[in-house]
């Protein structure tokens, strides 16, 4: 599966304690994507999420079904400080 970073912009501060993680997982599983992790901005109005997905359209479908934004979707490759042999 490919890796994607998703930028999400929220009108109000995101309540991370109120996230329905189980519901998100159900929808993600249904469309064939996996939420790896997210970063939350200091003002709590923006997230940067790393996902595994077959394509951007699957991410857009899940976001629409969950009623959350997916403002920017960028395909990425993972690199690290030590090259993999």
PDB file of N, CA and C in Angstrom:
ATOM      1  N   UNK A   1       0.843  -1.193   0.000  1.00  0.00           N
ATOM      2  CA  UNK A   1       0.000   0.000   0.000  1.00  0.00           C
ATOM      3  C   UNK A   1       0.875   1.239   0.000  1.00  0.00           C
ATOM      4  N   UNK A   2       0.359   2.275  -0.597  1.00  0.00           N
ATOM      5  CA  UNK A   2       1.065   3.548  -0.663  1.00  0.00           C
ATOM      6  C   UNK A   2       0.852   4.341   0.627  1.00  0.00           C
ATOM      7  N   UNK A   3       1.775   5.269   0.900  1.00  0.00           N
ATOM      8  CA  UNK A   3       1.661   6.158   2.054  1.00  0.00           C
ATOM      9  C   UNK A   3       1.207   7.534   1.592  1.00  0.00           C
ATOM     10  N   UNK A   4       0.333   8.147   2.392  1.00  0.00           N
ATOM     11  CA  UNK A   4      -0.175   9.483   2.106  1.00  0.00           C
ATOM     12  C   UNK A   4      -0.186  10.308   3.388  1.00  0.00           C
ATOM     13  N   UNK A   5       0.146  11.595   3.260  1.00  0.00           N
ATOM     14  CA  UNK A   5      -0.041  12.552   4.346  1.00  0.00           C
ATOM     15  C   UNK A   5      -1.265  13.374   3.990  1.00  0.00           C
ATOM     16  N   UNK A   6      -2.165  13.509   4.968  1.00  0.00           N
ATOM     17  CA  UNK A   6      -3.409  14.261   4.769  1.00  0.00           C
ATOM     18  C   UNK A   6      -3.392  15.468   5.701  1.00  0.00           C
ATOM     19  N   UNK A   7      -3.578  16.649   5.138  1.00  0.00           N
ATOM     20  CA  UNK A   7      -3.739  17.863   5.944  1.00  0.00           C
ATOM     21  C   UNK A   7      -5.224  18.104   6.106  1.00  0.00           C
ATOM     22  N   UNK A   8      -5.638  18.230   7.361  1.00  0.00           N
ATOM     23  CA  UNK A   8      -7.050  18.481   7.661  1.00  0.00           C
ATOM     24  C   UNK A   8      -7.153  19.798   8.424  1.00  0.00           C
ATOM     25  N   UNK A   9      -8.015  20.704   7.948  1.00  0.00           N
ATOM     26  CA  UNK A   9      -8.242  21.990   8.599  1.00  0.00           C
ATOM     27  C   UNK A   9      -9.635  22.006   9.199  1.00  0.00           C
ATOM     28  N   UNK A  10      -9.702  22.294  10.490  1.00  0.00           N
ATOM     29  CA  UNK A  10     -10.973  22.309  11.221  1.00  0.00           C
ATOM     30  C   UNK A  10     -11.346  23.741  11.598  1.00  0.00           C
ATOM     31  N   UNK A  11     -12.634  24.076  11.548  1.00  0.00           N
ATOM     32  CA  UNK A  11     -13.114  25.410  11.904  1.00  0.00           C
ATOM     33  C   UNK A  11     -12.958  25.659  13.403  1.00  0.00           C
ATOM     34  N   UNK A  12     -13.161  24.635  14.189  1.00  0.00           N
ATOM     35  CA  UNK A  12     -13.050  24.731  15.649  1.00  0.00           C
ATOM     36  C   UNK A  12     -11.902  23.846  16.122  1.00  0.00           C
ATOM     37  N   UNK A  13     -11.494  24.041  17.369  1.00  0.00           N
ATOM     38  CA  UNK A  13     -10.456  23.179  17.929  1.00  0.00           C
ATOM     39  C   UNK A  13     -10.932  21.733  17.957  1.00  0.00           C
ATOM     40  N   UNK A  14     -10.052  20.836  17.592  1.00  0.00           N
ATOM     41  CA  UNK A  14     -10.375  19.412  17.568  1.00  0.00           C
ATOM     42  C   UNK A  14     -10.327  18.853  18.987  1.00  0.00           C
ATOM     43  N   UNK A  15     -11.389  18.177  19.386  1.00  0.00           N
ATOM     44  CA  UNK A  15     -11.447  17.511  20.687  1.00  0.00           C
ATOM     45  C   UNK A  15     -10.953  16.082  20.503  1.00  0.00           C
ATOM     46  N   UNK A  16      -9.666  15.864  20.737  1.00  0.00           N
ATOM     47  CA  UNK A  16      -9.105  14.529  20.499  1.00  0.00           C
ATOM     48  C   UNK A  16      -9.662  13.488  21.457  1.00  0.00           C
ATOM     49  N   UNK A  17     -10.083  13.909  22.638  1.00  0.00           N
ATOM     50  CA  UNK A  17     -10.674  12.958  23.583  1.00  0.00           C
ATOM     51  C   UNK A  17     -12.046  12.489  23.116  1.00  0.00           C
ATOM     52  N   UNK A  18     -12.707  13.295  22.294  1.00  0.00           N
ATOM     53  CA  UNK A  18     -14.040  12.950  21.813  1.00  0.00           C
ATOM     54  C   UNK A  18     -14.050  12.220  20.481  1.00  0.00           C
ATOM     55  N   UNK A  19     -12.874  11.894  19.948  1.00  0.00           N
ATOM     56  CA  UNK A  19     -12.827  11.182  18.667  1.00  0.00           C
ATOM     57  C   UNK A  19     -13.408   9.785  18.795  1.00  0.00           C
ATOM     58  N   UNK A  20     -14.219   9.416  17.830  1.00  0.00           N
ATOM     59  CA  UNK A  20     -14.780   8.066  17.771  1.00  0.00           C
ATOM     60  C   UNK A  20     -13.803   7.175  17.005  1.00  0.00           C
ATOM     61  N   UNK A  21     -12.744   6.777  17.690  1.00  0.00           N
ATOM     62  CA  UNK A  21     -11.686   6.005  17.029  1.00  0.00           C
ATOM     63  C   UNK A  21     -12.206   4.679  16.472  1.00  0.00           C
ATOM     64  N   UNK A  22     -13.113   4.042  17.186  1.00  0.00           N
ATOM     65  CA  UNK A  22     -13.681   2.769  16.705  1.00  0.00           C
ATOM     66  C   UNK A  22     -14.490   2.995  15.431  1.00  0.00           C
ATOM     67  N   UNK A  23     -15.270   4.065  15.395  1.00  0.00           N
ATOM     68  CA  UNK A  23     -16.053   4.388  14.199  1.00  0.00           C
ATOM     69  C   UNK A  23     -15.169   4.729  13.018  1.00  0.00           C
ATOM     70  N   UNK A  24     -14.089   5.462  13.279  1.00  0.00           N
ATOM     71  CA  UNK A  24     -13.132   5.795  12.221  1.00  0.00           C
ATOM     72  C   UNK A  24     -12.521   4.512  11.660  1.00  0.00           C
ATOM     73  N   UNK A  25     -12.127   3.606  12.543  1.00  0.00           N
ATOM     74  CA  UNK A  25     -11.518   2.344  12.109  1.00  0.00           C
ATOM     75  C   UNK A  25     -12.494   1.519  11.269  1.00  0.00           C
ATOM     76  N   UNK A  26     -13.760   1.490  11.665  1.00  0.00           N
ATOM     77  CA  UNK A  26     -14.758   0.738  10.885  1.00  0.00           C
ATOM     78  C   UNK A  26     -14.871   1.263   9.458  1.00  0.00           C
ATOM     79  N   UNK A  27     -14.972   2.576   9.317  1.00  0.00           N
ATOM     80  CA  UNK A  27     -15.083   3.167   7.982  1.00  0.00           C
ATOM     81  C   UNK A  27     -13.792   2.943   7.200  1.00  0.00           C
ATOM     82  N   UNK A  28     -12.650   3.172   7.850  1.00  0.00           N
ATOM     83  CA  UNK A  28     -11.366   2.968   7.175  1.00  0.00           C
ATOM     84  C   UNK A  28     -11.215   1.534   6.694  1.00  0.00           C
ATOM     85  N   UNK A  29     -11.572   0.577   7.544  1.00  0.00           N
ATOM     86  CA  UNK A  29     -11.501  -0.835   7.158  1.00  0.00           C
ATOM     87  C   UNK A  29     -12.408  -1.114   5.966  1.00  0.00           C
ATOM     88  N   UNK A  30     -13.576  -0.489   5.967  1.00  0.00           N
ATOM     89  CA  UNK A  30     -14.542  -0.714   4.896  1.00  0.00           C
ATOM     90  C   UNK A  30     -14.029  -0.232   3.539  1.00  0.00           C
ATOM     91  N   UNK A  31     -13.268   0.871   3.537  1.00  0.00           N
ATOM     92  CA  UNK A  31     -12.748   1.391   2.268  1.00  0.00           C
ATOM     93  C   UNK A  31     -11.318   0.939   1.986  1.00  0.00           C
ATOM     94  N   UNK A  32     -10.721   0.199   2.921  1.00  0.00           N
ATOM     95  CA  UNK A  32      -9.405  -0.382   2.684  1.00  0.00           C
ATOM     96  C   UNK A  32      -8.223   0.535   2.927  1.00  0.00           C
ATOM     97  N   UNK A  33      -8.342   1.401   3.953  1.00  0.00           N
ATOM     98  CA  UNK A  33      -7.227   2.278   4.316  1.00  0.00           C
ATOM     99  C   UNK A  33      -6.881   2.076   5.788  1.00  0.00           C
ATOM    100  N   UNK A  34      -5.672   2.541   6.185  1.00  0.00           N
ATOM    101  CA  UNK A  34      -5.256   2.405   7.582  1.00  0.00           C
ATOM    102  C   UNK A  34      -4.641   3.706   8.073  1.00  0.00           C
ATOM    103  N   UNK A  35      -5.184   4.218   9.188  1.00  0.00           N
ATOM    104  CA  UNK A  35      -4.668   5.401   9.861  1.00  0.00           C
ATOM    105  C   UNK A  35      -3.441   4.959  10.646  1.00  0.00           C
ATOM    106  N   UNK A  36      -2.267   5.509  10.330  1.00  0.00           N
ATOM    107  CA  UNK A  36      -1.029   5.134  11.004  1.00  0.00           C
ATOM    108  C   UNK A  36      -0.838   6.001  12.247  1.00  0.00           C
ATOM    109  N   UNK A  37      -0.828   7.328  12.075  1.00  0.00           N
ATOM    110  CA  UNK A  37      -0.772   8.258  13.194  1.00  0.00           C
ATOM    111  C   UNK A  37      -1.033   9.666  12.687  1.00  0.00           C
ATOM    112  N   UNK A  38      -1.204  10.597  13.630  1.00  0.00           N
ATOM    113  CA  UNK A  38      -1.463  11.994  13.273  1.00  0.00           C
ATOM    114  C   UNK A  38      -0.678  12.931  14.172  1.00  0.00           C
ATOM    115  N   UNK A  39      -0.445  14.128  13.658  1.00  0.00           N
ATOM    116  CA  UNK A  39       0.116  15.223  14.434  1.00  0.00           C
ATOM    117  C   UNK A  39      -0.952  16.294  14.529  1.00  0.00           C
ATOM    118  N   UNK A  40      -1.089  16.905  15.704  1.00  0.00           N
ATOM    119  CA  UNK A  40      -2.065  17.967  15.948  1.00  0.00           C
ATOM    120  C   UNK A  40      -1.326  19.280  16.127  1.00  0.00           C
ATOM    121  N   UNK A  41      -1.760  20.317  15.417  1.00  0.00           N
ATOM    122  CA  UNK A  41      -1.127  21.632  15.537  1.00  0.00           C
ATOM    123  C   UNK A  41      -1.363  22.225  16.924  1.00  0.00           C
ATOM    124  N   UNK A  42      -0.552  23.196  17.289  1.00  0.00           N
ATOM    125  CA  UNK A  42      -0.633  23.820  18.615  1.00  0.00           C
ATOM    126  C   UNK A  42      -1.993  24.463  18.863  1.00  0.00           C
ATOM    127  N   UNK A  43      -2.622  25.015  17.829  1.00  0.00           N
ATOM    128  CA  UNK A  43      -3.935  25.648  18.009  1.00  0.00           C
ATOM    129  C   UNK A  43      -5.093  24.641  17.930  1.00  0.00           C
ATOM    130  N   UNK A  44      -4.770  23.364  17.698  1.00  0.00           N
ATOM    131  CA  UNK A  44      -5.728  22.260  17.653  1.00  0.00           C
ATOM    132  C   UNK A  44      -6.780  22.419  16.548  1.00  0.00           C
ATOM    133  N   UNK A  45      -6.412  23.128  15.468  1.00  0.00           N
ATOM    134  CA  UNK A  45      -7.336  23.315  14.349  1.00  0.00           C
ATOM    135  C   UNK A  45      -6.841  22.654  13.072  1.00  0.00           C
ATOM    136  N   UNK A  46      -5.708  21.965  13.148  1.00  0.00           N
ATOM    137  CA  UNK A  46      -5.144  21.343  11.960  1.00  0.00           C
ATOM    138  C   UNK A  46      -4.482  20.033  12.363  1.00  0.00           C
ATOM    139  N   UNK A  47      -4.656  19.013  11.535  1.00  0.00           N
ATOM    140  CA  UNK A  47      -3.939  17.759  11.742  1.00  0.00           C
ATOM    141  C   UNK A  47      -3.194  17.392  10.471  1.00  0.00           C
ATOM    142  N   UNK A  48      -2.117  16.660  10.676  1.00  0.00           N
ATOM    143  CA  UNK A  48      -1.352  16.052   9.598  1.00  0.00           C
ATOM    144  C   UNK A  48      -1.358  14.561   9.891  1.00  0.00           C
ATOM    145  N   UNK A  49      -1.986  13.790   9.024  1.00  0.00           N
ATOM    146  CA  UNK A  49      -2.216  12.367   9.286  1.00  0.00           C
ATOM    147  C   UNK A  49      -1.489  11.512   8.264  1.00  0.00           C
ATOM    148  N   UNK A  50      -0.840  10.465   8.745  1.00  0.00           N
ATOM    149  CA  UNK A  50      -0.202   9.503   7.866  1.00  0.00           C
ATOM    150  C   UNK A  50      -1.131   8.313   7.702  1.00  0.00           C
ATOM    151  N   UNK A  51      -1.412   7.968   6.445  1.00  0.00           N
ATOM    152  CA  UNK A  51      -2.304   6.859   6.120  1.00  0.00           C
ATOM    153  C   UNK A  51      -1.658   5.920   5.124  1.00  0.00           C
ATOM    154  N   UNK A  52      -2.013   4.662   5.207  1.00  0.00           N
ATOM    155  CA  UNK A  52      -1.741   3.692   4.156  1.00  0.00           C
ATOM    156  C   UNK A  52      -3.042   3.543   3.384  1.00  0.00           C
ATOM    157  N   UNK A  53      -2.951   3.634   2.067  1.00  0.00           N
ATOM    158  CA  UNK A  53      -4.162   3.559   1.248  1.00  0.00           C
ATOM    159  C   UNK A  53      -3.785   3.119  -0.163  1.00  0.00           C
ATOM    160  N   UNK A  54      -4.735   2.515  -0.876  1.00  0.00           N
ATOM    161  CA  UNK A  54      -4.447   2.121  -2.252  1.00  0.00           C
ATOM    162  C   UNK A  54      -4.383   3.318  -3.199  1.00  0.00           C
ATOM    163  N   UNK A  55      -5.103   4.417  -2.829  1.00  0.00           N
ATOM    164  CA  UNK A  55      -5.156   5.605  -3.682  1.00  0.00           C
ATOM    165  C   UNK A  55      -5.807   6.756  -2.904  1.00  0.00           C
ATOM    166  N   UNK A  56      -5.665   7.990  -3.388  1.00  0.00           N
ATOM    167  CA  UNK A  56      -6.276   9.134  -2.703  1.00  0.00           C
ATOM    168  C   UNK A  56      -7.800   9.072  -2.660  1.00  0.00           C
ATOM    169  N   UNK A  57      -8.405   8.460  -3.657  1.00  0.00           N
ATOM    170  CA  UNK A  57      -9.870   8.388  -3.706  1.00  0.00           C
ATOM    171  C   UNK A  57     -10.444   7.634  -2.510  1.00  0.00           C
ATOM    172  N   UNK A  58      -9.753   6.608  -2.045  1.00  0.00           N
ATOM    173  CA  UNK A  58     -10.212   5.867  -0.869  1.00  0.00           C
ATOM    174  C   UNK A  58     -10.182   6.758   0.369  1.00  0.00           C
ATOM    175  N   UNK A  59      -9.163   7.592   0.477  1.00  0.00           N
ATOM    176  CA  UNK A  59      -9.064   8.533   1.603  1.00  0.00           C
ATOM    177  C   UNK A  59     -10.197   9.548   1.543  1.00  0.00           C
ATOM    178  N   UNK A  60     -10.469  10.061   0.353  1.00  0.00           N
ATOM    179  CA  UNK A  60     -11.554  11.037   0.170  1.00  0.00           C
ATOM    180  C   UNK A  60     -12.898  10.402   0.522  1.00  0.00           C
ATOM    181  N   UNK A  61     -13.115   9.165   0.115  1.00  0.00           N
ATOM    182  CA  UNK A  61     -14.371   8.476   0.430  1.00  0.00           C
ATOM    183  C   UNK A  61     -14.551   8.321   1.936  1.00  0.00           C
ATOM    184  N   UNK A  62     -13.506   7.879   2.624  1.00  0.00           N
ATOM    185  CA  UNK A  62     -13.596   7.700   4.082  1.00  0.00           C
ATOM    186  C   UNK A  62     -13.854   9.036   4.771  1.00  0.00           C
ATOM    187  N   UNK A  63     -13.144  10.074   4.358  1.00  0.00           N
ATOM    188  CA  UNK A  63     -13.327  11.398   4.971  1.00  0.00           C
ATOM    189  C   UNK A  63     -14.762  11.887   4.780  1.00  0.00           C
ATOM    190  N   UNK A  64     -15.304  11.697   3.582  1.00  0.00           N
ATOM    191  CA  UNK A  64     -16.685  12.122   3.318  1.00  0.00           C
ATOM    192  C   UNK A  64     -17.664  11.356   4.196  1.00  0.00           C
ATOM    193  N   UNK A  65     -17.471  10.056   4.308  1.00  0.00           N
ATOM    194  CA  UNK A  65     -18.369   9.245   5.134  1.00  0.00           C
ATOM    195  C   UNK A  65     -18.277   9.624   6.604  1.00  0.00           C
ATOM    196  N   UNK A  66     -17.095  10.051   7.045  1.00  0.00           N
ATOM    197  CA  UNK A  66     -16.897  10.421   8.454  1.00  0.00           C
ATOM    198  C   UNK A  66     -17.221  11.888   8.721  1.00  0.00           C
ATOM    199  N   UNK A  67     -17.432  12.667   7.678  1.00  0.00           N
ATOM    200  CA  UNK A  67     -17.735  14.085   7.852  1.00  0.00           C
ATOM    201  C   UNK A  67     -16.539  14.887   8.344  1.00  0.00           C
ATOM    202  N   UNK A  68     -15.336  14.492   7.920  1.00  0.00           N
ATOM    203  CA  UNK A  68     -14.123  15.217   8.306  1.00  0.00           C
ATOM    204  C   UNK A  68     -13.413  15.691   7.042  1.00  0.00           C
ATOM    205  N   UNK A  69     -12.657  16.784   7.149  1.00  0.00           N
ATOM    206  CA  UNK A  69     -11.989  17.300   5.959  1.00  0.00           C
ATOM    207  C   UNK A  69     -10.788  16.440   5.548  1.00  0.00           C
ATOM    208  N   UNK A  70     -10.451  16.517   4.288  1.00  0.00           N
ATOM    209  CA  UNK A  70      -9.208  15.969   3.739  1.00  0.00           C
ATOM    210  C   UNK A  70      -8.749  17.009   2.719  1.00  0.00           C
ATOM    211  N   UNK A  71      -8.220  18.128   3.233  1.00  0.00           N
ATOM    212  CA  UNK A  71      -7.958  19.303   2.406  1.00  0.00           C
ATOM    213  C   UNK A  71      -6.806  19.109   1.421  1.00  0.00           C
ATOM    214  N   UNK A  72      -5.747  18.461   1.876  1.00  0.00           N
ATOM    215  CA  UNK A  72      -4.590  18.213   1.018  1.00  0.00           C
ATOM    216  C   UNK A  72      -4.162  16.769   1.230  1.00  0.00           C
ATOM    217  N   UNK A  73      -3.972  16.038   0.146  1.00  0.00           N
ATOM    218  CA  UNK A  73      -3.513  14.652   0.212  1.00  0.00           C
ATOM    219  C   UNK A  73      -2.253  14.556  -0.641  1.00  0.00           C
ATOM    220  N   UNK A  74      -1.154  14.130  -0.007  1.00  0.00           N
ATOM    221  CA  UNK A  74       0.133  14.058  -0.688  1.00  0.00           C
ATOM    222  C   UNK A  74       0.684  12.645  -0.572  1.00  0.00           C
ATOM    223  N   UNK A  75       1.034  12.041  -1.711  1.00  0.00           N
ATOM    224  CA  UNK A  75       1.716  10.742  -1.686  1.00  0.00           C
ATOM    225  C   UNK A  75       3.139  10.957  -1.197  1.00  0.00           C
ATOM    226  N   UNK A  76       3.609  10.109  -0.280  1.00  0.00           N
ATOM    227  CA  UNK A  76       4.945  10.250   0.304  1.00  0.00           C
ATOM    228  C   UNK A  76       5.669   8.910   0.324  1.00  0.00           C
ATOM    229  N   UNK A  77       6.973   8.981   0.520  1.00  0.00           N
ATOM    230  CA  UNK A  77       7.788   7.786   0.736  1.00  0.00           C
ATOM    231  C   UNK A  77       8.484   7.935   2.071  1.00  0.00           C
ATOM    232  N   UNK A  78       8.624   6.833   2.778  1.00  0.00           N
ATOM    233  CA  UNK A  78       9.277   6.865   4.077  1.00  0.00           C
ATOM    234  C   UNK A  78      10.792   6.798   3.916  1.00  0.00           C
ATOM    235  N   UNK A  79      11.504   7.680   4.624  1.00  0.00           N
ATOM    236  CA  UNK A  79      12.947   7.640   4.683  1.00  0.00           C
ATOM    237  C   UNK A  79      13.344   7.766   6.146  1.00  0.00           C
ATOM    238  N   UNK A  80      14.556   7.454   6.466  1.00  0.00           N
ATOM    239  CA  UNK A  80      15.016   7.545   7.837  1.00  0.00           C
ATOM    240  C   UNK A  80      16.458   8.021   7.898  1.00  0.00           C
ATOM    241  N   UNK A  81      16.977   8.208   9.097  1.00  0.00           N
ATOM    242  CA  UNK A  81      18.336   8.713   9.247  1.00  0.00           C
ATOM    243  C   UNK A  81      19.406   7.705   8.838  1.00  0.00           C
ATOM    244  N   UNK A  82      19.063   6.421   8.839  1.00  0.00           N
ATOM    245  CA  UNK A  82      20.008   5.372   8.461  1.00  0.00           C
ATOM    246  C   UNK A  82      19.470   4.675   7.225  1.00  0.00           C
ATOM    247  N   UNK A  83      20.234   4.628   6.138  1.00  0.00           N
ATOM    248  CA  UNK A  83      19.754   3.946   4.942  1.00  0.00           C
ATOM    249  C   UNK A  83      19.508   2.458   5.197  1.00  0.00           C
ATOM    250  N   UNK A  84      18.465   1.941   4.573  1.00  0.00           N
ATOM    251  CA  UNK A  84      18.150   0.519   4.686  1.00  0.00           C
ATOM    252  C   UNK A  84      18.944  -0.214   3.613  1.00  0.00           C
ATOM    253  N   UNK A  85      19.653  -1.258   4.025  1.00  0.00           N
ATOM    254  CA  UNK A  85      20.482  -2.003   3.062  1.00  0.00           C
ATOM    255  C   UNK A  85      19.662  -2.987   2.264  1.00  0.00           C
TER     256      UNK A  85
END
